[in-house]
PDB file of N, CA and C in Angstrom:
ATOM      1  N   MET A   1     -27.563 -47.956 -80.434  1.00  0.00           N
ATOM      2  CA  MET A   1     -26.701 -46.993 -79.792  1.00  0.00           C
ATOM      3  C   MET A   1     -25.547 -46.610 -80.704  1.00  0.00           C
ATOM      4  N   LYS A   2     -25.033 -47.619 -81.439  1.00  0.00           N
ATOM      5  CA  LYS A   2     -23.917 -47.380 -82.340  1.00  0.00           C
ATOM      6  C   LYS A   2     -24.312 -46.389 -83.434  1.00  0.00           C
ATOM      7  N   TYR A   3     -25.514 -46.536 -83.961  1.00  0.00           N
ATOM      8  CA  TYR A   3     -25.960 -45.653 -85.034  1.00  0.00           C
ATOM      9  C   TYR A   3     -26.198 -44.230 -84.540  1.00  0.00           C
ATOM     10  N   VAL A   4     -26.619 -44.112 -83.311  1.00  0.00           N
ATOM     11  CA  VAL A   4     -26.817 -42.777 -82.735  1.00  0.00           C
ATOM     12  C   VAL A   4     -25.476 -42.063 -82.607  1.00  0.00           C
ATOM     13  N   LEU A   5     -24.446 -42.777 -82.161  1.00  0.00           N
ATOM     14  CA  LEU A   5     -23.117 -42.176 -82.049  1.00  0.00           C
ATOM     15  C   LEU A   5     -22.558 -41.772 -83.415  1.00  0.00           C
ATOM     16  N   ILE A   6     -22.763 -42.613 -84.415  1.00  0.00           N
ATOM     17  CA  ILE A   6     -22.314 -42.274 -85.766  1.00  0.00           C
ATOM     18  C   ILE A   6     -23.052 -41.047 -86.272  1.00  0.00           C
ATOM     19  N   PHE A   7     -24.356 -41.000 -86.053  1.00  0.00           N
ATOM     20  CA  PHE A   7     -25.148 -39.850 -86.483  1.00  0.00           C
ATOM     21  C   PHE A   7     -24.668 -38.574 -85.790  1.00  0.00           C
ATOM     22  N   LEU A   8     -24.405 -38.655 -84.493  1.00  0.00           N
ATOM     23  CA  LEU A   8     -23.924 -37.480 -83.765  1.00  0.00           C
ATOM     24  C   LEU A   8     -22.558 -37.028 -84.258  1.00  0.00           C
ATOM     25  N   LEU A   9     -21.685 -37.971 -84.578  1.00  0.00           N
ATOM     26  CA  LEU A   9     -20.373 -37.627 -85.109  1.00  0.00           C
ATOM     27  C   LEU A   9     -20.495 -36.907 -86.459  1.00  0.00           C
ATOM     28  N   VAL A  10     -21.334 -37.407 -87.331  1.00  0.00           N
ATOM     29  CA  VAL A  10     -21.548 -36.756 -88.627  1.00  0.00           C
ATOM     30  C   VAL A  10     -22.165 -35.380 -88.434  1.00  0.00           C
ATOM     31  N   LEU A  11     -23.098 -35.268 -87.516  1.00  0.00           N
ATOM     32  CA  LEU A  11     -23.731 -33.980 -87.249  1.00  0.00           C
ATOM     33  C   LEU A  11     -22.719 -32.967 -86.723  1.00  0.00           C
ATOM     34  N   VAL A  12     -21.839 -33.377 -85.829  1.00  0.00           N
ATOM     35  CA  VAL A  12     -20.812 -32.480 -85.291  1.00  0.00           C
ATOM     36  C   VAL A  12     -19.863 -32.031 -86.396  1.00  0.00           C
ATOM     37  N   ILE A  13     -19.448 -32.961 -87.256  1.00  0.00           N
ATOM     38  CA  ILE A  13     -18.563 -32.594 -88.367  1.00  0.00           C
ATOM     39  C   ILE A  13     -19.260 -31.618 -89.300  1.00  0.00           C
ATOM     40  N   PHE A  14     -20.527 -31.851 -89.577  1.00  0.00           N
ATOM     41  CA  PHE A  14     -21.277 -30.949 -90.447  1.00  0.00           C
ATOM     42  C   PHE A  14     -21.398 -29.557 -89.830  1.00  0.00           C
ATOM     43  N   ILE A  15     -21.693 -29.479 -88.550  1.00  0.00           N
ATOM     44  CA  ILE A  15     -21.827 -28.180 -87.877  1.00  0.00           C
ATOM     45  C   ILE A  15     -20.490 -27.443 -87.866  1.00  0.00           C
ATOM     46  N   ILE A  16     -19.410 -28.167 -87.616  1.00  0.00           N
ATOM     47  CA  ILE A  16     -18.086 -27.535 -87.627  1.00  0.00           C
ATOM     48  C   ILE A  16     -17.752 -27.016 -89.021  1.00  0.00           C
ATOM     49  N   SER A  17     -18.060 -27.774 -90.042  1.00  0.00           N
ATOM     50  CA  SER A  17     -17.751 -27.331 -91.399  1.00  0.00           C
ATOM     51  C   SER A  17     -18.600 -26.132 -91.808  1.00  0.00           C
ATOM     52  N   VAL A  18     -19.858 -26.102 -91.415  1.00  0.00           N
ATOM     53  CA  VAL A  18     -20.709 -24.950 -91.729  1.00  0.00           C
ATOM     54  C   VAL A  18     -20.228 -23.721 -90.968  1.00  0.00           C
ATOM     55  N   THR A  19     -19.863 -23.890 -89.705  1.00  0.00           N
ATOM     56  CA  THR A  19     -19.345 -22.768 -88.915  1.00  0.00           C
ATOM     57  C   THR A  19     -18.043 -22.248 -89.511  1.00  0.00           C
ATOM     58  N   PHE A  20     -17.163 -23.157 -89.883  1.00  0.00           N
ATOM     59  CA  PHE A  20     -15.904 -22.761 -90.497  1.00  0.00           C
ATOM     60  C   PHE A  20     -16.156 -22.023 -91.810  1.00  0.00           C
ATOM     61  N   GLY A  21     -17.066 -22.522 -92.596  1.00  0.00           N
ATOM     62  CA  GLY A  21     -17.377 -21.893 -93.876  1.00  0.00           C
ATOM     63  C   GLY A  21     -18.048 -20.543 -93.723  1.00  0.00           C
ATOM     64  N   ALA A  22     -18.858 -20.378 -92.710  1.00  0.00           N
ATOM     65  CA  ALA A  22     -19.570 -19.110 -92.516  1.00  0.00           C
ATOM     66  C   ALA A  22     -18.608 -17.990 -92.116  1.00  0.00           C
ATOM     67  N   HIS A  23     -17.499 -18.326 -91.498  1.00  0.00           N
ATOM     68  CA  HIS A  23     -16.545 -17.306 -91.076  1.00  0.00           C
ATOM     69  C   HIS A  23     -15.465 -17.023 -92.118  1.00  0.00           C
ATOM     70  N   ASN A  24     -15.535 -17.696 -93.248  1.00  0.00           N
ATOM     71  CA  ASN A  24     -14.557 -17.487 -94.311  1.00  0.00           C
ATOM     72  C   ASN A  24     -15.284 -17.051 -95.577  1.00  0.00           C
ATOM     73  N   ASP A  25     -15.411 -15.742 -95.744  1.00  0.00           N
ATOM     74  CA  ASP A  25     -16.121 -15.214 -96.906  1.00  0.00           C
ATOM     75  C   ASP A  25     -15.193 -14.873 -98.062  1.00  0.00           C
ATOM     76  N   GLN A  26     -13.934 -15.211 -97.945  1.00  0.00           N
ATOM     77  CA  GLN A  26     -13.011 -14.852 -99.016  1.00  0.00           C
ATOM     78  C   GLN A  26     -13.257 -15.715-100.246  1.00  0.00           C
ATOM     79  N   VAL A  27     -12.910 -15.191-101.394  1.00  0.00           N
ATOM     80  CA  VAL A  27     -13.101 -15.882-102.655  1.00  0.00           C
ATOM     81  C   VAL A  27     -11.791 -16.576-103.028  1.00  0.00           C
ATOM     82  N   VAL A  28     -11.915 -17.844-103.438  1.00  0.00           N
ATOM     83  CA  VAL A  28     -10.740 -18.607-103.836  1.00  0.00           C
ATOM     84  C   VAL A  28     -10.953 -19.128-105.253  1.00  0.00           C
ATOM     85  N   THR A  29      -9.840 -19.377-105.936  1.00  0.00           N
ATOM     86  CA  THR A  29      -9.896 -19.967-107.266  1.00  0.00           C
ATOM     87  C   THR A  29      -9.786 -21.478-107.112  1.00  0.00           C
ATOM     88  N   PHE A  30     -10.764 -22.169-107.670  1.00  0.00           N
ATOM     89  CA  PHE A  30     -10.811 -23.635-107.566  1.00  0.00           C
ATOM     90  C   PHE A  30     -10.605 -24.213-108.956  1.00  0.00           C
ATOM     91  N   ASN A  31      -9.518 -24.971-109.118  1.00  0.00           N
ATOM     92  CA  ASN A  31      -9.215 -25.628-110.393  1.00  0.00           C
ATOM     93  C   ASN A  31      -9.731 -27.057-110.330  1.00  0.00           C
ATOM     94  N   TYR A  32     -10.613 -27.412-111.235  1.00  0.00           N
ATOM     95  CA  TYR A  32     -11.061 -28.791-111.336  1.00  0.00           C
ATOM     96  C   TYR A  32     -10.736 -29.283-112.735  1.00  0.00           C
ATOM     97  N   ILE A  33     -11.023 -30.509-113.037  1.00  0.00           N
ATOM     98  CA  ILE A  33     -10.516 -31.163-114.240  1.00  0.00           C
ATOM     99  C   ILE A  33     -10.872 -30.407-115.513  1.00  0.00           C
ATOM    100  N   VAL A  34     -12.084 -29.951-115.650  1.00  0.00           N
ATOM    101  CA  VAL A  34     -12.541 -29.369-116.900  1.00  0.00           C
ATOM    102  C   VAL A  34     -12.299 -27.866-116.964  1.00  0.00           C
ATOM    103  N   ALA A  35     -12.468 -27.197-115.871  1.00  0.00           N
ATOM    104  CA  ALA A  35     -12.390 -25.742-115.912  1.00  0.00           C
ATOM    105  C   ALA A  35     -11.866 -25.202-114.590  1.00  0.00           C
ATOM    106  N   GLN A  36     -12.094 -23.924-114.405  1.00  0.00           N
ATOM    107  CA  GLN A  36     -11.640 -23.229-113.198  1.00  0.00           C
ATOM    108  C   GLN A  36     -12.737 -22.241-112.817  1.00  0.00           C
ATOM    109  N   GLY A  37     -12.923 -22.048-111.529  1.00  0.00           N
ATOM    110  CA  GLY A  37     -13.938 -21.116-111.081  1.00  0.00           C
ATOM    111  C   GLY A  37     -13.530 -20.427-109.798  1.00  0.00           C
ATOM    112  N   GLU A  38     -14.149 -19.304-109.543  1.00  0.00           N
ATOM    113  CA  GLU A  38     -13.904 -18.585-108.296  1.00  0.00           C
ATOM    114  C   GLU A  38     -15.145 -18.708-107.426  1.00  0.00           C
ATOM    115  N   TYR A  39     -14.941 -19.233-106.228  1.00  0.00           N
ATOM    116  CA  TYR A  39     -16.035 -19.498-105.303  1.00  0.00           C
ATOM    117  C   TYR A  39     -15.664 -18.994-103.919  1.00  0.00           C
ATOM    118  N   ARG A  40     -16.697 -18.720-103.128  1.00  0.00           N
ATOM    119  CA  ARG A  40     -16.447 -18.407-101.719  1.00  0.00           C
ATOM    120  C   ARG A  40     -16.073 -19.682-101.001  1.00  0.00           C
ATOM    121  N   VAL A  41     -15.241 -19.566-100.007  1.00  0.00           N
ATOM    122  CA  VAL A  41     -14.774 -20.742 -99.270  1.00  0.00           C
ATOM    123  C   VAL A  41     -15.957 -21.476 -98.632  1.00  0.00           C
ATOM    124  N   SER A  42     -16.916 -20.747 -98.114  1.00  0.00           N
ATOM    125  CA  SER A  42     -18.062 -21.389 -97.464  1.00  0.00           C
ATOM    126  C   SER A  42     -18.872 -22.211 -98.462  1.00  0.00           C
ATOM    127  N   THR A  43     -19.087 -21.674 -99.648  1.00  0.00           N
ATOM    128  CA  THR A  43     -19.844 -22.405-100.666  1.00  0.00           C
ATOM    129  C   THR A  43     -19.071 -23.640-101.113  1.00  0.00           C
ATOM    130  N   LEU A  44     -17.801 -23.463-101.370  1.00  0.00           N
ATOM    131  CA  LEU A  44     -16.972 -24.572-101.825  1.00  0.00           C
ATOM    132  C   LEU A  44     -16.910 -25.678-100.774  1.00  0.00           C
ATOM    133  N   LEU A  45     -16.731 -25.302 -99.524  1.00  0.00           N
ATOM    134  CA  LEU A  45     -16.667 -26.276 -98.439  1.00  0.00           C
ATOM    135  C   LEU A  45     -17.978 -27.041 -98.311  1.00  0.00           C
ATOM    136  N   THR A  46     -19.082 -26.341 -98.391  1.00  0.00           N
ATOM    137  CA  THR A  46     -20.390 -26.987 -98.264  1.00  0.00           C
ATOM    138  C   THR A  46     -20.651 -27.953 -99.405  1.00  0.00           C
ATOM    139  N   VAL A  47     -20.360 -27.525-100.617  1.00  0.00           N
ATOM    140  CA  VAL A  47     -20.610 -28.381-101.784  1.00  0.00           C
ATOM    141  C   VAL A  47     -19.717 -29.616-101.749  1.00  0.00           C
ATOM    142  N   LEU A  48     -18.445 -29.446-101.460  1.00  0.00           N
ATOM    143  CA  LEU A  48     -17.540 -30.592-101.431  1.00  0.00           C
ATOM    144  C   LEU A  48     -17.866 -31.550-100.293  1.00  0.00           C
ATOM    145  N   PHE A  49     -18.253 -31.016 -99.138  1.00  0.00           N
ATOM    146  CA  PHE A  49     -18.646 -31.879 -98.022  1.00  0.00           C
ATOM    147  C   PHE A  49     -19.887 -32.685 -98.387  1.00  0.00           C
ATOM    148  N   ALA A  50     -20.873 -32.025 -98.975  1.00  0.00           N
ATOM    149  CA  ALA A  50     -22.113 -32.716 -99.350  1.00  0.00           C
ATOM    150  C   ALA A  50     -21.843 -33.782-100.410  1.00  0.00           C
ATOM    151  N   MET A  51     -21.009 -33.456-101.390  1.00  0.00           N
ATOM    152  CA  MET A  51     -20.686 -34.442-102.427  1.00  0.00           C
ATOM    153  C   MET A  51     -19.977 -35.653-101.832  1.00  0.00           C
ATOM    154  N   GLY A  52     -19.034 -35.421-100.954  1.00  0.00           N
ATOM    155  CA  GLY A  52     -18.331 -36.525-100.311  1.00  0.00           C
ATOM    156  C   GLY A  52     -19.248 -37.364 -99.439  1.00  0.00           C
ATOM    157  N   PHE A  53     -20.142 -36.689 -98.729  1.00  0.00           N
ATOM    158  CA  PHE A  53     -21.082 -37.391 -97.860  1.00  0.00           C
ATOM    159  C   PHE A  53     -21.996 -38.309 -98.671  1.00  0.00           C
ATOM    160  N   PHE A  54     -22.593 -37.773 -99.729  1.00  0.00           N
ATOM    161  CA  PHE A  54     -23.517 -38.573-100.532  1.00  0.00           C
ATOM    162  C   PHE A  54     -22.790 -39.639-101.344  1.00  0.00           C
ATOM    163  N   LEU A  55     -21.590 -39.355-101.803  1.00  0.00           N
ATOM    164  CA  LEU A  55     -20.818 -40.358-102.517  1.00  0.00           C
ATOM    165  C   LEU A  55     -20.448 -41.509-101.573  1.00  0.00           C
ATOM    166  N   GLY A  56     -20.076 -41.182-100.353  1.00  0.00           N
ATOM    167  CA  GLY A  56     -19.775 -42.213 -99.362  1.00  0.00           C
ATOM    168  C   GLY A  56     -20.982 -43.077 -99.049  1.00  0.00           C
ATOM    169  N   TRP A  57     -22.146 -42.441 -98.878  1.00  0.00           N
ATOM    170  CA  TRP A  57     -23.371 -43.200 -98.617  1.00  0.00           C
ATOM    171  C   TRP A  57     -23.731 -44.091 -99.796  1.00  0.00           C
ATOM    172  N   ALA A  58     -23.540 -43.580-101.019  1.00  0.00           N
ATOM    173  CA  ALA A  58     -23.863 -44.374-102.206  1.00  0.00           C
ATOM    174  C   ALA A  58     -22.949 -45.597-102.304  1.00  0.00           C
ATOM    175  N   ILE A  59     -21.669 -45.415-102.068  1.00  0.00           N
ATOM    176  CA  ILE A  59     -20.727 -46.534-102.147  1.00  0.00           C
ATOM    177  C   ILE A  59     -21.028 -47.562-101.055  1.00  0.00           C
ATOM    178  N   CYS A  60     -21.254 -47.104 -99.844  1.00  0.00           N
ATOM    179  CA  CYS A  60     -21.593 -48.029 -98.752  1.00  0.00           C
ATOM    180  C   CYS A  60     -22.915 -48.738 -99.026  1.00  0.00           C
ATOM    181  N   GLY A  61     -23.871 -48.007 -99.585  1.00  0.00           N
ATOM    182  CA  GLY A  61     -25.160 -48.609 -99.932  1.00  0.00           C
ATOM    183  C   GLY A  61     -25.019 -49.695-100.979  1.00  0.00           C
ATOM    184  N   LEU A  62     -24.155 -49.478-101.970  1.00  0.00           N
ATOM    185  CA  LEU A  62     -23.939 -50.506-102.991  1.00  0.00           C
ATOM    186  C   LEU A  62     -23.293 -51.751-102.400  1.00  0.00           C
ATOM    187  N   PHE A  63     -22.313 -51.563-101.519  1.00  0.00           N
ATOM    188  CA  PHE A  63     -21.699 -52.724-100.872  1.00  0.00           C
ATOM    189  C   PHE A  63     -22.715 -53.454 -99.990  1.00  0.00           C
ATOM    190  N   TYR A  64     -23.555 -52.706 -99.282  1.00  0.00           N
ATOM    191  CA  TYR A  64     -24.583 -53.316 -98.435  1.00  0.00           C
ATOM    192  C   TYR A  64     -25.580 -54.096 -99.299  1.00  0.00           C
ATOM    193  N   LEU A  65     -25.989 -53.504-100.415  1.00  0.00           N
ATOM    194  CA  LEU A  65     -26.942 -54.166-101.303  1.00  0.00           C
ATOM    195  C   LEU A  65     -26.338 -55.445-101.884  1.00  0.00           C
ATOM    196  N   ARG A  66     -25.072 -55.388-102.275  1.00  0.00           N
ATOM    197  CA  ARG A  66     -24.407 -56.565-102.814  1.00  0.00           C
ATOM    198  C   ARG A  66     -24.333 -57.676-101.759  1.00  0.00           C
ATOM    199  N   THR A  67     -24.067 -57.312-100.526  1.00  0.00           N
ATOM    200  CA  THR A  67     -23.992 -58.296 -99.454  1.00  0.00           C
ATOM    201  C   THR A  67     -25.362 -58.902 -99.167  1.00  0.00           C
ATOM    202  N   ARG A  68     -26.392 -58.068 -99.161  1.00  0.00           N
ATOM    203  CA  ARG A  68     -27.750 -58.581 -98.919  1.00  0.00           C
ATOM    204  C   ARG A  68     -28.189 -59.533-100.023  1.00  0.00           C
ATOM    205  N   ILE A  69     -27.857 -59.226-101.272  1.00  0.00           N
ATOM    206  CA  ILE A  69     -28.215 -60.111-102.386  1.00  0.00           C
ATOM    207  C   ILE A  69     -27.482 -61.439-102.253  1.00  0.00           C
ATOM    208  N   ALA A  70     -26.201 -61.399-101.899  1.00  0.00           N
ATOM    209  CA  ALA A  70     -25.438 -62.633-101.702  1.00  0.00           C
ATOM    210  C   ALA A  70     -26.024 -63.459-100.556  1.00  0.00           C
ATOM    211  N   LEU A  71     -26.459 -62.790 -99.485  1.00  0.00           N
ATOM    212  CA  LEU A  71     -27.070 -63.499 -98.355  1.00  0.00           C
ATOM    213  C   LEU A  71     -28.392 -64.150 -98.771  1.00  0.00           C
ATOM    214  N   MET A  72     -29.213 -63.440 -99.528  1.00  0.00           N
ATOM    215  CA  MET A  72     -30.489 -64.016 -99.979  1.00  0.00           C
ATOM    216  C   MET A  72     -30.242 -65.238-100.865  1.00  0.00           C
ATOM    217  N   ARG A  73     -29.252 -65.155-101.755  1.00  0.00           N
ATOM    218  CA  ARG A  73     -28.937 -66.305-102.611  1.00  0.00           C
ATOM    219  C   ARG A  73     -28.467 -67.493-101.769  1.00  0.00           C
ATOM    220  N   ALA A  74     -27.626 -67.239-100.784  1.00  0.00           N
ATOM    221  CA  ALA A  74     -27.118 -68.314 -99.939  1.00  0.00           C
ATOM    222  C   ALA A  74     -28.247 -68.949 -99.128  1.00  0.00           C
ATOM    223  N   GLU A  75     -29.166 -68.146 -98.604  1.00  0.00           N
ATOM    224  CA  GLU A  75     -30.295 -68.694 -97.847  1.00  0.00           C
ATOM    225  C   GLU A  75     -31.195 -69.532 -98.741  1.00  0.00           C
ATOM    226  N   ARG A  76     -31.425 -69.067 -99.972  1.00  0.00           N
ATOM    227  CA  ARG A  76     -32.248 -69.826-100.910  1.00  0.00           C
ATOM    228  C   ARG A  76     -31.580 -71.165-101.253  1.00  0.00           C
ATOM    229  N   LYS A  77     -30.270 -71.124-101.464  1.00  0.00           N
ATOM    230  CA  LYS A  77     -29.538 -72.352-101.769  1.00  0.00           C
ATOM    231  C   LYS A  77     -29.564 -73.313-100.579  1.00  0.00           C
ATOM    232  N   LEU A  78     -29.426 -72.783 -99.370  1.00  0.00           N
ATOM    233  CA  LEU A  78     -29.480 -73.611 -98.165  1.00  0.00           C
ATOM    234  C   LEU A  78     -30.838 -74.281 -98.012  1.00  0.00           C
ATOM    235  N   LYS A  79     -31.906 -73.537 -98.261  1.00  0.00           N
ATOM    236  CA  LYS A  79     -33.252 -74.130 -98.172  1.00  0.00           C
ATOM    237  C   LYS A  79     -33.425 -75.239 -99.199  1.00  0.00           C
ATOM    238  N   ARG A  80     -32.906 -75.039-100.402  1.00  0.00           N
ATOM    239  CA  ARG A  80     -33.016 -76.049-101.446  1.00  0.00           C
ATOM    240  C   ARG A  80     -32.240 -77.314-101.050  1.00  0.00           C
ATOM    241  N   VAL A  81     -31.048 -77.143-100.485  1.00  0.00           N
ATOM    242  CA  VAL A  81     -30.245 -78.293-100.061  1.00  0.00           C
ATOM    243  C   VAL A  81     -30.924 -79.015 -98.903  1.00  0.00           C
ATOM    244  N   GLU A  82     -31.488 -78.271 -97.968  1.00  0.00           N
ATOM    245  CA  GLU A  82     -32.191 -78.897 -96.842  1.00  0.00           C
ATOM    246  C   GLU A  82     -33.416 -79.665 -97.322  1.00  0.00           C
ATOM    247  N   ARG A  83     -34.100 -79.109 -98.314  1.00  0.00           N
ATOM    248  CA  ARG A  83     -35.280 -79.788 -98.844  1.00  0.00           C
ATOM    249  C   ARG A  83     -34.877 -81.086 -99.540  1.00  0.00           C
ATOM    250  N   LEU A  84     -33.766 -81.089-100.260  1.00  0.00           N
ATOM    251  CA  LEU A  84     -33.309 -82.299-100.932  1.00  0.00           C
ATOM    252  C   LEU A  84     -32.765 -83.329 -99.955  1.00  0.00           C
ATOM    253  N   ALA A  85     -32.254 -82.887 -98.820  1.00  0.00           N
ATOM    254  CA  ALA A  85     -31.655 -83.796 -97.843  1.00  0.00           C
ATOM    255  C   ALA A  85     -32.691 -84.484 -96.968  1.00  0.00           C
ATOM    256  N   GLU A  86     -33.913 -83.991 -96.936  1.00  0.00           N
ATOM    257  CA  GLU A  86     -34.948 -84.604 -96.111  1.00  0.00           C
ATOM    258  C   GLU A  86     -35.329 -85.955 -96.713  1.00  0.00           C
ATOM    259  N   PRO A  87     -35.428 -86.986 -95.872  1.00  0.00           N
ATOM    260  CA  PRO A  87     -35.836 -88.299 -96.400  1.00  0.00           C
ATOM    261  C   PRO A  87     -37.309 -88.281 -96.787  1.00  0.00           C
ATOM    262  N   ALA A  88     -37.643 -89.035 -97.822  1.00  0.00           N
ATOM    263  CA  ALA A  88     -39.023 -89.076 -98.304  1.00  0.00           C
ATOM    264  C   ALA A  88     -39.933 -89.771 -97.290  1.00  0.00           C
ATOM    265  N   ALA A  89     -39.464 -90.849 -96.722  1.00  0.00           N
ATOM    266  CA  ALA A  89     -40.248 -91.577 -95.718  1.00  0.00           C
ATOM    267  C   ALA A  89     -39.275 -92.067 -94.650  1.00  0.00           C
ATOM    268  N   PRO A  90     -39.741 -92.142 -93.419  1.00  0.00           N
ATOM    269  CA  PRO A  90     -38.834 -92.628 -92.378  1.00  0.00           C
ATOM    270  C   PRO A  90     -38.424 -94.070 -92.658  1.00  0.00           C
ATOM    271  N   VAL A  91     -37.159 -94.298 -92.554  1.00  0.00           N
ATOM    272  CA  VAL A  91     -36.625 -95.632 -92.821  1.00  0.00           C
ATOM    273  C   VAL A  91     -36.261 -96.270 -91.485  1.00  0.00           C
ATOM    274  N   ALA A  92     -36.723 -97.507 -91.291  1.00  0.00           N
ATOM    275  CA  ALA A  92     -36.421 -98.228 -90.060  1.00  0.00           C
ATOM    276  C   ALA A  92     -34.980 -98.707 -90.116  1.00  0.00           C
ATOM    277  N   PRO A  93     -34.276 -98.555 -89.019  1.00  0.00           N
ATOM    278  CA  PRO A  93     -32.870 -99.015 -89.052  1.00  0.00           C
ATOM    279  C   PRO A  93     -32.796-100.530 -89.184  1.00  0.00           C
ATOM    280  N   LEU A  94     -31.810-100.982 -89.885  1.00  0.00           N
ATOM    281  CA  LEU A  94     -31.631-102.419 -90.073  1.00  0.00           C
ATOM    282  C   LEU A  94     -30.874-102.969 -88.864  1.00  0.00           C
ATOM    283  N   VAL A  95     -31.559-103.850 -88.117  1.00  0.00           N
ATOM    284  CA  VAL A  95     -30.961-104.439 -86.941  1.00  0.00           C
ATOM    285  C   VAL A  95     -31.010-105.950 -87.110  1.00  0.00           C
ATOM    286  N   GLY A  96     -29.886-106.553 -86.977  1.00  0.00           N
ATOM    287  CA  GLY A  96     -29.834-108.013 -87.117  1.00  0.00           C
ATOM    288  C   GLY A  96     -30.352-108.716 -85.864  1.00  0.00           C
ATOM    289  N   LYS A  97     -31.014-109.879 -86.075  1.00  0.00           N
ATOM    290  CA  LYS A  97     -31.519-110.644 -84.941  1.00  0.00           C
ATOM    291  C   LYS A  97     -30.437-111.595 -84.463  1.00  0.00           C
ATOM    292  N   GLU A  98     -30.237-111.608 -83.210  1.00  0.00           N
ATOM    293  CA  GLU A  98     -29.221-112.499 -82.662  1.00  0.00           C
ATOM    294  C   GLU A  98     -29.812-113.484 -81.721  1.00  0.00           C
TER     295      GLU A  98
END
């Protein structure tokens, strides 16, 4: 359910940005690090939104992948420790005779 709500939120933001961009056909000058260009607001908005969206997914994906790798290593280490902790043969408890 949580993922459906997140998906719907992203979809609503995307639809709003496309609608906003479609109603703004004016040309703006966009200065970026290397050069400068003149673009329509709708094109610029769409490209920047898409870049931010995919960059966000890539960063979150890398953090998720790093966490999954750490979890796999921890599970492997836990199995190794459990295997070493198992007794080779059952040992009878030492009970003194009284």
